[in-house]
Structures are given as structure tokens and as C-alpha cells.
Amino acid sequence: MSLQMLPAGQESPDVSVSWEDQQRINGFSKLNSRLSELEDLYQQKKDENEYLEDVGTEIELVDEDDLVQYKIGDAFYWLKQSEVVERLEGESESTVTELNDLEDKIRSIKDEMDELKKVLYEKFGNAINLER
């Protein structure tokens, strides 16, 4: 949440902040931080999924019986192309599932934030800035 100065000549409305209002503001701030973290994680997973798709496309150009290096943990192992394709498909499915879960969490947090914004803007009007 950022603080902004009022334009010259405009006075701050005299609105008291109750304990409940402060809890809503704190809740909004926590949700905003969590949303930023989830959006960063979503972007990382999206990039990872694109990488897996690119590797899958490239690996299909190799003959099925050829050996290909595949990273498991910190080491590379020689596996048949067909086994590598299966593993990549599994990883890609897992990443897509994680992306869908993250989308749901992000949507849920945005809905909560919208509800808090509605309540807080209704009470404080222009005296509060809840935009990112």
C-alpha cells in the first residue's frame, strides 16, 4: 500500500479508523503481498512449462532407441528417447496442474481483495489508496 499526499487545497476527511477497519487494511496488505508472491510463482511455473514443451518438441526429433541425457536431481542419466518423452509429459502435466491451482488461488485472493476494497472505499473514499 502506498501513501500519497492530497492535492493542494484539499483537506483530509475526518474519518476515524476503528479496530475493525485497521484489521481490514492489514488483511488487504497481507493479501496484496501474498498475491505478488503467487504471481511470481505463477510466472516461474509458466516459464518452466514453456521450457518443457520446447524440450519435448526438440526431443521428438531424436530416434526412439537413441539415448538422451536426462537430468534427475543433480545428475544426468542416459535414457532412451521414449522414456525421456514419457517423463517430460509427466512433468508437463504436473506443471499444468500447479498452474491451474495457482490460478485458482490468485483468483480467490483477488476476490477477497475486491471485497475489502469495496468496504474500505465505501467508508474512506479517496482518503485511502488500495491500488497496487
Protein backbone atom coordinates (compact mmCIF):
# COMPACT_ATOMS: atom_id res chain seq x y z
CA MET A 1 0.00 0.00 0.00
CA SER A 2 1.40 3.41 -0.83
CA LEU A 3 0.87 6.75 0.84
CA GLN A 4 0.02 9.73 -1.27
CA MET A 5 -0.30 13.40 -0.45
CA LEU A 6 -3.59 15.12 -1.11
CA PRO A 7 -3.67 17.74 -3.83
CA ALA A 8 -3.09 21.33 -2.70
CA GLY A 9 -6.16 22.87 -1.11
CA GLN A 10 -7.87 19.55 -0.43
CA GLU A 11 -8.24 18.59 3.19
CA SER A 12 -8.27 15.08 4.53
CA PRO A 13 -11.76 13.99 5.53
CA ASP A 14 -12.14 13.50 9.26
CA VAL A 15 -12.79 9.78 9.36
CA SER A 16 -11.97 7.72 12.40
CA VAL A 17 -10.35 4.36 11.87
CA SER A 18 -11.89 1.65 14.01
CA TRP A 19 -10.15 -1.53 15.08
CA GLU A 20 -12.17 -3.48 12.50
CA ASP A 21 -11.12 -1.04 9.77
CA GLN A 22 -7.48 -1.44 10.74
CA GLN A 23 -7.87 -5.23 10.60
CA ARG A 24 -9.36 -4.94 7.11
CA ILE A 25 -6.48 -2.70 5.99
CA ASN A 26 -3.93 -5.13 7.45
CA GLY A 27 -5.73 -8.06 5.83
CA PHE A 28 -5.68 -6.28 2.47
CA SER A 29 -1.95 -5.62 2.82
CA LYS A 30 -1.25 -9.29 3.62
CA LEU A 31 -3.37 -10.43 0.67
CA ASN A 32 -1.54 -7.97 -1.59
CA SER A 33 1.83 -9.39 -0.53
CA ARG A 34 0.61 -12.97 -0.98
CA LEU A 35 -0.80 -12.09 -4.40
CA SER A 36 2.59 -10.74 -5.53
CA GLU A 37 4.30 -13.94 -4.35
CA LEU A 38 1.77 -16.15 -6.14
CA GLU A 39 2.01 -14.12 -9.35
CA ASP A 40 5.81 -14.51 -9.30
CA LEU A 41 5.49 -18.25 -8.70
CA TYR A 42 2.88 -18.48 -11.47
CA GLN A 43 5.25 -16.80 -13.91
CA GLN A 44 8.07 -19.17 -12.94
CA LYS A 45 5.82 -22.21 -13.46
CA LYS A 46 4.57 -20.81 -16.76
CA ASP A 47 8.16 -20.34 -17.96
CA GLU A 48 9.00 -23.86 -16.79
CA ASN A 49 6.02 -25.28 -18.69
CA GLU A 50 7.05 -23.46 -21.88
CA TYR A 51 10.58 -24.84 -21.46
CA LEU A 52 9.23 -28.39 -21.03
CA GLU A 53 7.11 -28.00 -24.17
CA ASP A 54 10.14 -26.75 -26.14
CA VAL A 55 12.31 -29.61 -24.91
CA GLY A 56 9.54 -32.10 -25.72
CA THR A 57 9.32 -30.76 -29.26
CA GLU A 58 13.09 -30.99 -29.72
CA ILE A 59 13.37 -34.47 -28.21
CA GLU A 60 10.77 -35.82 -30.64
CA LEU A 61 13.29 -35.23 -33.43
CA VAL A 62 15.56 -37.90 -31.93
CA ASP A 63 15.07 -41.60 -32.82
CA GLU A 64 13.15 -43.64 -30.22
CA ASP A 65 16.01 -46.01 -29.44
CA ASP A 66 18.68 -43.32 -29.14
CA LEU A 67 19.99 -42.46 -25.71
CA VAL A 68 19.46 -38.94 -24.42
CA GLN A 69 20.85 -37.25 -21.34
CA TYR A 70 18.12 -36.51 -18.80
CA LYS A 71 18.63 -34.61 -15.56
CA ILE A 72 17.35 -36.28 -12.41
CA GLY A 73 18.18 -34.28 -9.31
CA ASP A 74 21.74 -33.03 -9.72
CA ALA A 75 22.92 -35.74 -12.10
CA PHE A 76 22.43 -36.52 -15.79
CA TYR A 77 21.48 -40.04 -16.84
CA TRP A 78 21.40 -41.66 -20.26
CA LEU A 79 17.82 -42.76 -21.00
CA LYS A 80 16.04 -43.92 -24.11
CA GLN A 81 14.26 -41.15 -26.02
CA SER A 82 10.87 -42.80 -25.42
CA GLU A 83 11.40 -42.84 -21.66
CA VAL A 84 12.51 -39.19 -21.69
CA VAL A 85 9.36 -38.25 -23.65
CA GLU A 86 7.20 -40.02 -21.02
CA ARG A 87 8.98 -38.25 -18.18
CA LEU A 88 8.66 -34.86 -19.88
CA GLU A 89 4.94 -35.43 -20.45
CA GLY A 90 4.52 -36.30 -16.77
CA GLU A 91 6.42 -33.20 -15.69
CA SER A 92 4.39 -31.05 -18.07
CA GLU A 93 1.09 -32.44 -16.72
CA SER A 94 2.27 -31.78 -13.18
CA THR A 95 3.25 -28.22 -14.07
CA VAL A 96 -0.12 -27.58 -15.76
CA THR A 97 -1.88 -28.84 -12.61
CA GLU A 98 0.23 -26.50 -10.48
CA LEU A 99 -0.57 -23.60 -12.84
CA ASN A 100 -4.29 -24.29 -12.53
CA ASP A 101 -4.03 -24.43 -8.72
CA LEU A 102 -2.12 -21.14 -8.70
CA GLU A 103 -4.73 -19.53 -10.98
CA ASP A 104 -7.46 -20.58 -8.54
CA LYS A 105 -5.54 -19.18 -5.56
CA ILE A 106 -4.83 -15.91 -7.37
CA ARG A 107 -8.47 -15.55 -8.37
CA SER A 108 -9.59 -16.24 -4.78
CA ILE A 109 -7.20 -13.65 -3.35
CA LYS A 110 -8.29 -11.06 -5.91
CA ASP A 111 -11.92 -11.68 -4.97
CA GLU A 112 -11.12 -11.20 -1.28
CA MET A 113 -9.19 -8.03 -2.06
CA ASP A 114 -12.08 -6.68 -4.14
CA GLU A 115 -14.46 -7.24 -1.22
CA LEU A 116 -12.12 -5.45 1.18
CA LYS A 117 -11.63 -2.60 -1.30
CA LYS A 118 -15.38 -2.19 -1.61
CA VAL A 119 -15.85 -1.94 2.16
CA LEU A 120 -12.84 0.32 2.74
CA TYR A 121 -13.51 2.69 -0.18
CA GLU A 122 -17.13 2.94 0.94
CA LYS A 123 -16.01 4.18 4.34
CA PHE A 124 -12.85 6.14 3.49
CA GLY A 125 -13.45 7.24 -0.10
CA ASN A 126 -10.43 8.99 -1.60
CA ALA A 127 -8.68 9.16 1.78
CA ILE A 128 -7.28 5.66 1.21
CA ASN A 129 -5.37 4.25 -1.75
CA LEU A 130 -5.59 0.49 -2.17
CA GLU A 131 -4.35 0.27 -5.74
CA ARG A 132 -1.21 -1.72 -6.49
